[in-house]
Amino acid sequence: VEPPTMLTGLEALPALPGNVERMMYLDLMSY
């Protein structure tokens, strides 16, 4: 079973204005 990660709801993501900002945040927190 694949555990939850930042990409799949491990914690709530911030309210960001666009998709690019969201991807940058995910990379900063995981990759």
Full PDB file with SEQRES, HELIX, SHEET, SSBOND, CRYST1, ORIGX, SCALE, CONECT and MASTER records, all heavy atoms in Angstrom:
SEQRES   1 A   31  VAL GLU PRO PRO THR MET LEU THR GLY LEU GLU ALA LEU          
SEQRES   2 A   31  PRO ALA LEU PRO GLY ASN VAL GLU ARG MET MET TYR LEU          
SEQRES   3 A   31  ASP LEU MET SER TYR                                          
HELIX    1 AA1 MET A    6  THR A    8  5                                   3    
HELIX    2 AA2 ASN A   19  MET A   29  1                                  11    
CRYST1    1.000    1.000    1.000  90.00  90.00  90.00 P 1           1          
ORIGX1      1.000000  0.000000  0.000000        0.00000                         
ORIGX2      0.000000  1.000000  0.000000        0.00000                         
ORIGX3      0.000000  0.000000  1.000000        0.00000                         
SCALE1      1.000000  0.000000  0.000000        0.00000                         
SCALE2      0.000000  1.000000  0.000000        0.00000                         
SCALE3      0.000000  0.000000  1.000000        0.00000                         
ATOM      1  N   VAL A   1       0.860  -1.183   0.000  1.00  0.00           N  
ATOM      2  CA  VAL A   1       0.000   0.000   0.000  1.00  0.00           C  
ATOM      3  C   VAL A   1       0.895   1.232   0.000  1.00  0.00           C  
ATOM      4  O   VAL A   1       1.772   1.371   0.853  1.00  0.00           O  
ATOM      5  CB  VAL A   1      -0.912   0.015   1.241  1.00  0.00           C  
ATOM      6  CG1 VAL A   1      -1.753   1.296   1.265  1.00  0.00           C  
ATOM      7  CG2 VAL A   1      -1.794  -1.222   1.271  1.00  0.00           C  
ATOM      8  N   GLU A   2       0.668   2.126  -0.942  1.00  0.00           N  
ATOM      9  CA  GLU A   2       1.493   3.321  -1.043  1.00  0.00           C  
ATOM     10  C   GLU A   2       1.069   4.337   0.022  1.00  0.00           C  
ATOM     11  O   GLU A   2      -0.068   4.787   0.041  1.00  0.00           O  
ATOM     12  CB  GLU A   2       1.352   3.933  -2.435  1.00  0.00           C  
ATOM     13  CG  GLU A   2       2.364   5.006  -2.743  1.00  0.00           C  
ATOM     14  CD  GLU A   2       2.331   5.427  -4.210  1.00  0.00           C  
ATOM     15  OE1 GLU A   2       1.669   4.760  -5.029  1.00  0.00           O  
ATOM     16  OE2 GLU A   2       2.971   6.457  -4.518  1.00  0.00           O  
ATOM     17  N   PRO A   3       1.967   4.709   0.937  1.00  0.00           N  
ATOM     18  CA  PRO A   3       1.598   5.637   2.010  1.00  0.00           C  
ATOM     19  C   PRO A   3       1.389   7.053   1.479  1.00  0.00           C  
ATOM     20  O   PRO A   3       1.897   7.414   0.415  1.00  0.00           O  
ATOM     21  CB  PRO A   3       2.817   5.601   2.956  1.00  0.00           C  
ATOM     22  CG  PRO A   3       3.651   4.438   2.516  1.00  0.00           C  
ATOM     23  CD  PRO A   3       3.357   4.239   1.063  1.00  0.00           C  
ATOM     24  N   PRO A   4       0.663   7.883   2.222  1.00  0.00           N  
ATOM     25  CA  PRO A   4       0.458   9.275   1.794  1.00  0.00           C  
ATOM     26  C   PRO A   4       1.745  10.085   1.878  1.00  0.00           C  
ATOM     27  O   PRO A   4       2.563   9.894   2.777  1.00  0.00           O  
ATOM     28  CB  PRO A   4      -0.587   9.800   2.777  1.00  0.00           C  
ATOM     29  CG  PRO A   4      -0.454   8.923   3.987  1.00  0.00           C  
ATOM     30  CD  PRO A   4      -0.063   7.575   3.466  1.00  0.00           C  
ATOM     31  N   THR A   5       1.932  10.987   0.927  1.00  0.00           N  
ATOM     32  CA  THR A   5       3.082  11.884   0.904  1.00  0.00           C  
ATOM     33  C   THR A   5       2.573  13.312   0.718  1.00  0.00           C  
ATOM     34  O   THR A   5       1.368  13.556   0.655  1.00  0.00           O  
ATOM     35  CB  THR A   5       4.034  11.534  -0.255  1.00  0.00           C  
ATOM     36  OG1 THR A   5       3.363  11.798  -1.504  1.00  0.00           O  
ATOM     37  CG2 THR A   5       4.445  10.068  -0.213  1.00  0.00           C  
ATOM     38  N   MET A   6       3.511  14.256   0.593  1.00  0.00           N  
ATOM     39  CA  MET A   6       3.110  15.637   0.334  1.00  0.00           C  
ATOM     40  C   MET A   6       2.292  15.745  -0.946  1.00  0.00           C  
ATOM     41  O   MET A   6       1.455  16.636  -1.092  1.00  0.00           O  
ATOM     42  CB  MET A   6       4.346  16.526   0.225  1.00  0.00           C  
ATOM     43  CG  MET A   6       5.053  16.792   1.531  1.00  0.00           C  
ATOM     44  SD  MET A   6       4.027  17.694   2.717  1.00  0.00           S  
ATOM     45  CE  MET A   6       3.700  19.207   1.825  1.00  0.00           C  
ATOM     46  N   LEU A   7       2.526  14.835  -1.899  1.00  0.00           N  
ATOM     47  CA  LEU A   7       1.808  14.869  -3.169  1.00  0.00           C  
ATOM     48  C   LEU A   7       0.429  14.240  -3.075  1.00  0.00           C  
ATOM     49  O   LEU A   7      -0.378  14.365  -4.000  1.00  0.00           O  
ATOM     50  CB  LEU A   7       2.620  14.148  -4.250  1.00  0.00           C  
ATOM     51  CG  LEU A   7       3.954  14.788  -4.639  1.00  0.00           C  
ATOM     52  CD1 LEU A   7       4.707  13.902  -5.613  1.00  0.00           C  
ATOM     53  CD2 LEU A   7       3.744  16.162  -5.228  1.00  0.00           C  
ATOM     54  N   THR A   8       0.150  13.538  -1.967  1.00  0.00           N  
ATOM     55  CA  THR A   8      -1.130  12.821  -1.863  1.00  0.00           C  
ATOM     56  C   THR A   8      -1.811  13.049  -0.526  1.00  0.00           C  
ATOM     57  O   THR A   8      -2.445  12.156   0.018  1.00  0.00           O  
ATOM     58  CB  THR A   8      -0.940  11.315  -2.101  1.00  0.00           C  
ATOM     59  OG1 THR A   8       0.054  10.805  -1.179  1.00  0.00           O  
ATOM     60  CG2 THR A   8      -0.494  11.030  -3.518  1.00  0.00           C  
ATOM     61  N   GLY A   9      -1.649  14.250   0.030  1.00  0.00           N  
ATOM     62  CA  GLY A   9      -2.453  14.608   1.183  1.00  0.00           C  
ATOM     63  C   GLY A   9      -1.869  14.316   2.547  1.00  0.00           C  
ATOM     64  O   GLY A   9      -2.617  14.224   3.532  1.00  0.00           O  
ATOM     65  N   LEU A  10      -0.541  14.152   2.664  1.00  0.00           N  
ATOM     66  CA  LEU A  10       0.054  13.939   3.987  1.00  0.00           C  
ATOM     67  C   LEU A  10      -0.264  15.112   4.907  1.00  0.00           C  
ATOM     68  O   LEU A  10      -0.496  14.942   6.101  1.00  0.00           O  
ATOM     69  CB  LEU A  10       1.573  13.760   3.864  1.00  0.00           C  
ATOM     70  CG  LEU A  10       2.341  13.531   5.166  1.00  0.00           C  
ATOM     71  CD1 LEU A  10       1.924  12.211   5.805  1.00  0.00           C  
ATOM     72  CD2 LEU A  10       3.847  13.545   4.924  1.00  0.00           C  
ATOM     73  N   GLU A  11      -0.257  16.316   4.359  1.00  0.00           N  
ATOM     74  CA  GLU A  11      -0.694  17.488   5.115  1.00  0.00           C  
ATOM     75  C   GLU A  11      -1.359  18.458   4.151  1.00  0.00           C  
ATOM     76  O   GLU A  11      -1.185  18.382   2.935  1.00  0.00           O  
ATOM     77  CB  GLU A  11       0.475  18.160   5.833  1.00  0.00           C  
ATOM     78  CG  GLU A  11       1.477  18.832   4.922  1.00  0.00           C  
ATOM     79  CD  GLU A  11       2.497  19.656   5.700  1.00  0.00           C  
ATOM     80  OE1 GLU A  11       2.970  19.198   6.752  1.00  0.00           O  
ATOM     81  OE2 GLU A  11       2.827  20.763   5.229  1.00  0.00           O  
ATOM     82  N   ALA A  12      -2.144  19.372   4.719  1.00  0.00           N  
ATOM     83  CA  ALA A  12      -2.858  20.355   3.895  1.00  0.00           C  
ATOM     84  C   ALA A  12      -1.864  21.262   3.182  1.00  0.00           C  
ATOM     85  O   ALA A  12      -0.850  21.665   3.747  1.00  0.00           O  
ATOM     86  CB  ALA A  12      -3.793  21.171   4.765  1.00  0.00           C  
ATOM     87  N   LEU A  13      -2.140  21.549   1.930  1.00  0.00           N  
ATOM     88  CA  LEU A  13      -1.286  22.435   1.151  1.00  0.00           C  
ATOM     89  C   LEU A  13      -1.761  23.873   1.298  1.00  0.00           C  
ATOM     90  O   LEU A  13      -2.939  24.129   1.556  1.00  0.00           O  
ATOM     91  CB  LEU A  13      -1.302  22.018  -0.318  1.00  0.00           C  
ATOM     92  CG  LEU A  13      -0.778  20.613  -0.623  1.00  0.00           C  
ATOM     93  CD1 LEU A  13      -0.853  20.341  -2.125  1.00  0.00           C  
ATOM     94  CD2 LEU A  13       0.647  20.435  -0.137  1.00  0.00           C  
ATOM     95  N   PRO A  14      -0.873  24.825   1.134  1.00  0.00           N  
ATOM     96  CA  PRO A  14      -1.270  26.234   1.264  1.00  0.00           C  
ATOM     97  C   PRO A  14      -2.165  26.667   0.116  1.00  0.00           C  
ATOM     98  O   PRO A  14      -2.163  26.069  -0.964  1.00  0.00           O  
ATOM     99  CB  PRO A  14       0.068  26.971   1.230  1.00  0.00           C  
ATOM    100  CG  PRO A  14       0.993  26.072   0.472  1.00  0.00           C  
ATOM    101  CD  PRO A  14       0.568  24.678   0.832  1.00  0.00           C  
ATOM    102  N   ALA A  15      -2.918  27.703   0.371  1.00  0.00           N  
ATOM    103  CA  ALA A  15      -3.736  28.304  -0.686  1.00  0.00           C  
ATOM    104  C   ALA A  15      -2.829  29.176  -1.542  1.00  0.00           C  
ATOM    105  O   ALA A  15      -2.394  30.235  -1.116  1.00  0.00           O  
ATOM    106  CB  ALA A  15      -4.862  29.117  -0.071  1.00  0.00           C  
ATOM    107  N   LEU A  16      -2.537  28.713  -2.744  1.00  0.00           N  
ATOM    108  CA  LEU A  16      -1.619  29.422  -3.638  1.00  0.00           C  
ATOM    109  C   LEU A  16      -2.362  29.827  -4.911  1.00  0.00           C  
ATOM    110  O   LEU A  16      -3.332  29.172  -5.308  1.00  0.00           O  
ATOM    111  CB  LEU A  16      -0.420  28.535  -3.965  1.00  0.00           C  
ATOM    112  CG  LEU A  16       0.470  28.196  -2.761  1.00  0.00           C  
ATOM    113  CD1 LEU A  16       1.523  27.163  -3.134  1.00  0.00           C  
ATOM    114  CD2 LEU A  16       1.140  29.447  -2.206  1.00  0.00           C  
ATOM    115  N   PRO A  17      -1.909  30.888  -5.577  1.00  0.00           N  
ATOM    116  CA  PRO A  17      -2.698  31.453  -6.678  1.00  0.00           C  
ATOM    117  C   PRO A  17      -2.712  30.642  -7.958  1.00  0.00           C  
ATOM    118  O   PRO A  17      -3.593  30.834  -8.792  1.00  0.00           O  
ATOM    119  CB  PRO A  17      -2.035  32.818  -6.918  1.00  0.00           C  
ATOM    120  CG  PRO A  17      -0.641  32.650  -6.422  1.00  0.00           C  
ATOM    121  CD  PRO A  17      -0.733  31.710  -5.263  1.00  0.00           C  
ATOM    122  N   GLY A  18      -1.735  29.757  -8.174  1.00  0.00           N  
ATOM    123  CA  GLY A  18      -1.691  29.060  -9.451  1.00  0.00           C  
ATOM    124  C   GLY A  18      -1.010  27.711  -9.372  1.00  0.00           C  
ATOM    125  O   GLY A  18      -0.427  27.334  -8.345  1.00  0.00           O  
ATOM    126  N   ASN A  19      -1.061  26.979 -10.477  1.00  0.00           N  
ATOM    127  CA  ASN A  19      -0.480  25.638 -10.527  1.00  0.00           C  
ATOM    128  C   ASN A  19       1.039  25.645 -10.392  1.00  0.00           C  
ATOM    129  O   ASN A  19       1.626  24.771  -9.757  1.00  0.00           O  
ATOM    130  CB  ASN A  19      -0.869  24.965 -11.852  1.00  0.00           C  
ATOM    131  CG  ASN A  19      -2.351  24.680 -11.944  1.00  0.00           C  
ATOM    132  OD1 ASN A  19      -2.993  24.384 -10.943  1.00  0.00           O  
ATOM    133  ND2 ASN A  19      -2.904  24.783 -13.146  1.00  0.00           N  
ATOM    134  N   VAL A  20       1.694  26.622 -11.009  1.00  0.00           N  
ATOM    135  CA  VAL A  20       3.155  26.663 -10.944  1.00  0.00           C  
ATOM    136  C   VAL A  20       3.616  26.860  -9.506  1.00  0.00           C  
ATOM    137  O   VAL A  20       4.530  26.176  -9.025  1.00  0.00           O  
ATOM    138  CB  VAL A  20       3.706  27.785 -11.853  1.00  0.00           C  
ATOM    139  CG1 VAL A  20       5.207  27.959 -11.639  1.00  0.00           C  
ATOM    140  CG2 VAL A  20       3.423  27.463 -13.315  1.00  0.00           C  
ATOM    141  N   GLU A  21       2.990  27.794  -8.787  1.00  0.00           N  
ATOM    142  CA  GLU A  21       3.354  28.024  -7.393  1.00  0.00           C  
ATOM    143  C   GLU A  21       3.121  26.765  -6.555  1.00  0.00           C  
ATOM    144  O   GLU A  21       3.904  26.457  -5.645  1.00  0.00           O  
ATOM    145  CB  GLU A  21       2.540  29.179  -6.809  1.00  0.00           C  
ATOM    146  CG  GLU A  21       2.872  30.531  -7.423  1.00  0.00           C  
ATOM    147  CD  GLU A  21       1.993  30.866  -8.615  1.00  0.00           C  
ATOM    148  OE1 GLU A  21       1.429  29.934  -9.232  1.00  0.00           O  
ATOM    149  OE2 GLU A  21       1.866  32.056  -8.935  1.00  0.00           O  
ATOM    150  N   ARG A  22       2.074  26.028  -6.855  1.00  0.00           N  
ATOM    151  CA  ARG A  22       1.764  24.802  -6.117  1.00  0.00           C  
ATOM    152  C   ARG A  22       2.840  23.738  -6.368  1.00  0.00           C  
ATOM    153  O   ARG A  22       3.286  23.058  -5.446  1.00  0.00           O  
ATOM    154  CB  ARG A  22       0.392  24.293  -6.558  1.00  0.00           C  
ATOM    155  CG  ARG A  22      -0.236  23.242  -5.653  1.00  0.00           C  
ATOM    156  CD  ARG A  22      -1.643  22.956  -6.129  1.00  0.00           C  
ATOM    157  NE  ARG A  22      -2.310  21.919  -5.377  1.00  0.00           N  
ATOM    158  CZ  ARG A  22      -3.045  22.134  -4.290  1.00  0.00           C  
ATOM    159  NH1 ARG A  22      -3.187  23.372  -3.841  1.00  0.00           N  
ATOM    160  NH2 ARG A  22      -3.632  21.130  -3.665  1.00  0.00           N  
ATOM    161  N   MET A  23       3.275  23.594  -7.620  1.00  0.00           N  
ATOM    162  CA  MET A  23       4.317  22.619  -7.942  1.00  0.00           C  
ATOM    163  C   MET A  23       5.645  22.998  -7.283  1.00  0.00           C  
ATOM    164  O   MET A  23       6.369  22.138  -6.774  1.00  0.00           O  
ATOM    165  CB  MET A  23       4.482  22.515  -9.460  1.00  0.00           C  
ATOM    166  CG  MET A  23       3.338  21.815 -10.161  1.00  0.00           C  
ATOM    167  SD  MET A  23       3.594  21.652 -11.954  1.00  0.00           S  
ATOM    168  CE  MET A  23       3.071  23.255 -12.542  1.00  0.00           C  
ATOM    169  N   MET A  24       5.971  24.281  -7.296  1.00  0.00           N  
ATOM    170  CA  MET A  24       7.201  24.734  -6.643  1.00  0.00           C  
ATOM    171  C   MET A  24       7.172  24.404  -5.159  1.00  0.00           C  
ATOM    172  O   MET A  24       8.179  23.953  -4.585  1.00  0.00           O  
ATOM    173  CB  MET A  24       7.376  26.241  -6.847  1.00  0.00           C  
ATOM    174  CG  MET A  24       7.716  26.653  -8.268  1.00  0.00           C  
ATOM    175  SD  MET A  24       7.527  28.445  -8.519  1.00  0.00           S  
ATOM    176  CE  MET A  24       8.636  29.092  -7.271  1.00  0.00           C  
ATOM    177  N   TYR A  25       6.029  24.626  -4.524  1.00  0.00           N  
ATOM    178  CA  TYR A  25       5.905  24.339  -3.085  1.00  0.00           C  
ATOM    179  C   TYR A  25       6.068  22.848  -2.819  1.00  0.00           C  
ATOM    180  O   TYR A  25       6.771  22.448  -1.872  1.00  0.00           O  
ATOM    181  CB  TYR A  25       4.548  24.824  -2.579  1.00  0.00           C  
ATOM    182  CG  TYR A  25       4.314  24.495  -1.121  1.00  0.00           C  
ATOM    183  CD1 TYR A  25       4.831  25.309  -0.114  1.00  0.00           C  
ATOM    184  CD2 TYR A  25       3.598  23.365  -0.757  1.00  0.00           C  
ATOM    185  CE1 TYR A  25       4.628  25.006   1.220  1.00  0.00           C  
ATOM    186  CE2 TYR A  25       3.389  23.049   0.577  1.00  0.00           C  
ATOM    187  CZ  TYR A  25       3.908  23.867   1.566  1.00  0.00           C  
ATOM    188  OH  TYR A  25       3.718  23.557   2.885  1.00  0.00           O  
ATOM    189  N   LEU A  26       5.431  22.015  -3.626  1.00  0.00           N  
ATOM    190  CA  LEU A  26       5.545  20.567  -3.435  1.00  0.00           C  
ATOM    191  C   LEU A  26       6.995  20.103  -3.573  1.00  0.00           C  
ATOM    192  O   LEU A  26       7.463  19.254  -2.806  1.00  0.00           O  
ATOM    193  CB  LEU A  26       4.650  19.835  -4.436  1.00  0.00           C  
ATOM    194  CG  LEU A  26       3.145  19.915  -4.179  1.00  0.00           C  
ATOM    195  CD1 LEU A  26       2.367  19.357  -5.366  1.00  0.00           C  
ATOM    196  CD2 LEU A  26       2.771  19.167  -2.898  1.00  0.00           C  
ATOM    197  N   ASP A  27       7.716  20.652  -4.537  1.00  0.00           N  
ATOM    198  CA  ASP A  27       9.120  20.291  -4.698  1.00  0.00           C  
ATOM    199  C   ASP A  27       9.959  20.742  -3.505  1.00  0.00           C  
ATOM    200  O   ASP A  27      10.851  20.027  -3.044  1.00  0.00           O  
ATOM    201  CB  ASP A  27       9.682  20.907  -5.984  1.00  0.00           C  
ATOM    202  CG  ASP A  27       9.362  20.076  -7.213  1.00  0.00           C  
ATOM    203  OD1 ASP A  27       8.820  18.958  -7.051  1.00  0.00           O  
ATOM    204  OD2 ASP A  27       9.645  20.532  -8.335  1.00  0.00           O  
ATOM    205  N   LEU A  28       9.669  21.938  -3.007  1.00  0.00           N  
ATOM    206  CA  LEU A  28      10.418  22.459  -1.863  1.00  0.00           C  
ATOM    207  C   LEU A  28      10.211  21.593  -0.630  1.00  0.00           C  
ATOM    208  O   LEU A  28      11.129  21.424   0.184  1.00  0.00           O  
ATOM    209  CB  LEU A  28       9.968  23.896  -1.563  1.00  0.00           C  
ATOM    210  CG  LEU A  28      10.698  24.611  -0.426  1.00  0.00           C  
ATOM    211  CD1 LEU A  28      12.160  24.880  -0.799  1.00  0.00           C  
ATOM    212  CD2 LEU A  28       9.988  25.922  -0.090  1.00  0.00           C  
ATOM    213  N   MET A  29       9.038  20.989  -0.505  1.00  0.00           N  
ATOM    214  CA  MET A  29       8.707  20.214   0.690  1.00  0.00           C  
ATOM    215  C   MET A  29       9.003  18.728   0.571  1.00  0.00           C  
ATOM    216  O   MET A  29       8.995  18.026   1.578  1.00  0.00           O  
ATOM    217  CB  MET A  29       7.217  20.410   1.022  1.00  0.00           C  
ATOM    218  CG  MET A  29       6.860  21.832   1.410  1.00  0.00           C  
ATOM    219  SD  MET A  29       7.804  22.392   2.846  1.00  0.00           S  
ATOM    220  CE  MET A  29       7.117  21.338   4.109  1.00  0.00           C  
ATOM    221  N   SER A  30       9.263  18.231  -0.632  1.00  0.00           N  
ATOM    222  CA  SER A  30       9.513  16.794  -0.775  1.00  0.00           C  
ATOM    223  C   SER A  30      10.749  16.511  -1.612  1.00  0.00           C  
ATOM    224  O   SER A  30      11.721  15.929  -1.129  1.00  0.00           O  
ATOM    225  CB  SER A  30       8.288  16.101  -1.384  1.00  0.00           C  
ATOM    226  OG  SER A  30       8.476  14.702  -1.408  1.00  0.00           O  
ATOM    227  N   TYR A  31      10.742  16.920  -2.866  1.00  0.00           N  
ATOM    228  CA  TYR A  31      11.874  16.628  -3.744  1.00  0.00           C  
ATOM    229  C   TYR A  31      13.170  17.234  -3.210  1.00  0.00           C  
ATOM    230  O   TYR A  31      14.226  16.603  -3.236  1.00  0.00           O  
ATOM    231  CB  TYR A  31      11.563  17.164  -5.144  1.00  0.00           C  
ATOM    232  CG  TYR A  31      12.674  16.983  -6.153  1.00  0.00           C  
ATOM    233  CD1 TYR A  31      13.101  15.709  -6.522  1.00  0.00           C  
ATOM    234  CD2 TYR A  31      13.290  18.086  -6.737  1.00  0.00           C  
ATOM    235  CE1 TYR A  31      14.130  15.546  -7.449  1.00  0.00           C  
ATOM    236  CE2 TYR A  31      14.302  17.935  -7.671  1.00  0.00           C  
ATOM    237  CZ  TYR A  31      14.720  16.653  -8.017  1.00  0.00           C  
ATOM    238  OH  TYR A  31      15.743  16.498  -8.926  1.00  0.00           O  
TER     239      TYR A  31                                                      
MASTER        0    0    0    2    0    0    0    6  238    1    0    3          
END                                                                             
